[in-house]
Protein backbone atom coordinates (compact mmCIF):
# COMPACT_ATOMS: atom_id res chain seq x y z
CA UNK A 1 -16.75 -103.20 24.22
CA UNK A 2 -15.82 -100.44 26.68
CA UNK A 3 -12.17 -100.99 25.87
CA UNK A 4 -12.57 -100.60 22.13
CA UNK A 5 -11.05 -97.55 20.47
CA UNK A 6 -14.29 -96.64 18.69
CA UNK A 7 -16.22 -96.75 21.97
CA UNK A 8 -13.65 -94.52 23.67
CA UNK A 9 -13.72 -92.05 20.76
CA UNK A 10 -17.51 -91.84 20.99
CA UNK A 11 -17.32 -91.19 24.72
CA UNK A 12 -14.72 -88.46 24.19
CA UNK A 13 -16.77 -86.86 21.42
CA UNK A 14 -19.87 -86.86 23.64
CA UNK A 15 -17.96 -85.34 26.54
CA UNK A 16 -16.55 -82.62 24.29
CA UNK A 17 -19.97 -81.78 22.86
CA UNK A 18 -21.44 -81.58 26.35
CA UNK A 19 -18.72 -79.23 27.58
CA UNK A 20 -18.96 -77.15 24.43
CA UNK A 21 -22.72 -76.83 24.80
CA UNK A 22 -22.45 -75.74 28.42
CA UNK A 23 -19.72 -73.20 27.69
CA UNK A 24 -21.64 -71.79 24.73
CA UNK A 25 -24.72 -71.29 26.91
CA UNK A 26 -22.66 -69.64 29.64
CA UNK A 27 -20.91 -67.32 27.20
CA UNK A 28 -24.19 -66.41 25.52
CA UNK A 29 -25.80 -65.63 28.84
CA UNK A 30 -22.91 -63.43 29.90
CA UNK A 31 -22.11 -61.66 26.61
CA UNK A 32 -25.13 -62.14 24.36
CA UNK A 33 -25.02 -63.80 20.96
CA UNK A 34 -21.70 -65.46 20.15
CA UNK A 35 -20.56 -64.85 16.58
CA UNK A 36 -20.25 -67.81 14.19
CA UNK A 37 -16.49 -67.17 14.00
CA UNK A 38 -16.11 -67.49 17.77
CA UNK A 39 -18.35 -70.56 17.79
CA UNK A 40 -16.12 -72.16 15.18
CA UNK A 41 -13.02 -71.41 17.24
CA UNK A 42 -14.67 -72.91 20.31
CA UNK A 43 -15.45 -76.10 18.39
CA UNK A 44 -11.78 -76.47 17.53
CA UNK A 45 -10.70 -76.59 21.17
CA UNK A 46 -9.65 -79.81 22.87
CA UNK A 47 -11.41 -81.11 25.96
CA UNK A 48 -8.53 -79.82 28.10
CA UNK A 49 -8.80 -76.36 26.53
CA UNK A 50 -12.56 -76.35 27.13
CA UNK A 51 -11.88 -77.14 30.80
CA UNK A 52 -9.36 -74.30 30.94
CA UNK A 53 -11.86 -71.95 29.32
CA UNK A 54 -14.54 -72.88 31.84
CA UNK A 55 -12.17 -71.65 34.57
CA UNK A 56 -11.04 -68.55 32.67
CA UNK A 57 -14.61 -67.52 31.83
CA UNK A 58 -15.15 -66.28 35.38
CA UNK A 59 -12.41 -63.69 34.89
CA UNK A 60 -13.73 -62.29 31.59
CA UNK A 61 -15.53 -58.96 31.73
CA UNK A 62 -15.89 -58.49 27.96
CA UNK A 63 -16.16 -60.68 24.87
CA UNK A 64 -12.83 -59.26 23.70
CA UNK A 65 -11.16 -61.16 26.53
CA UNK A 66 -12.55 -64.40 25.11
CA UNK A 67 -11.13 -63.48 21.71
CA UNK A 68 -7.71 -62.82 23.25
CA UNK A 69 -7.85 -66.06 25.22
CA UNK A 70 -8.69 -68.01 22.05
CA UNK A 71 -5.82 -66.39 20.16
CA UNK A 72 -3.42 -67.46 22.92
CA UNK A 73 -4.55 -71.09 22.55
CA UNK A 74 -3.10 -71.46 19.07
C-alpha cells in the first residue's frame, strides 16, 4: 500500500497542508492578518517553494517583501 500512487499523493498533500499551515501562522504572527489574495498565492506553491519561503521568511521585514517573493516564484 505504501508504494501505491494514491497513497504517495495523500502523503504529499498532507505534508503540503502541514507546511502551509505552519507558514501561514508564522506570517500572521509576524505581519498580522494575511489577505485572501496572498493566502491563495501561498496555496498555489509547491512543497519545495514552501520550504524556500520558510527560509526566506526570516529575512522579510515587511509584508511587501512576501508579495515580491511570491511574484518572483511565477
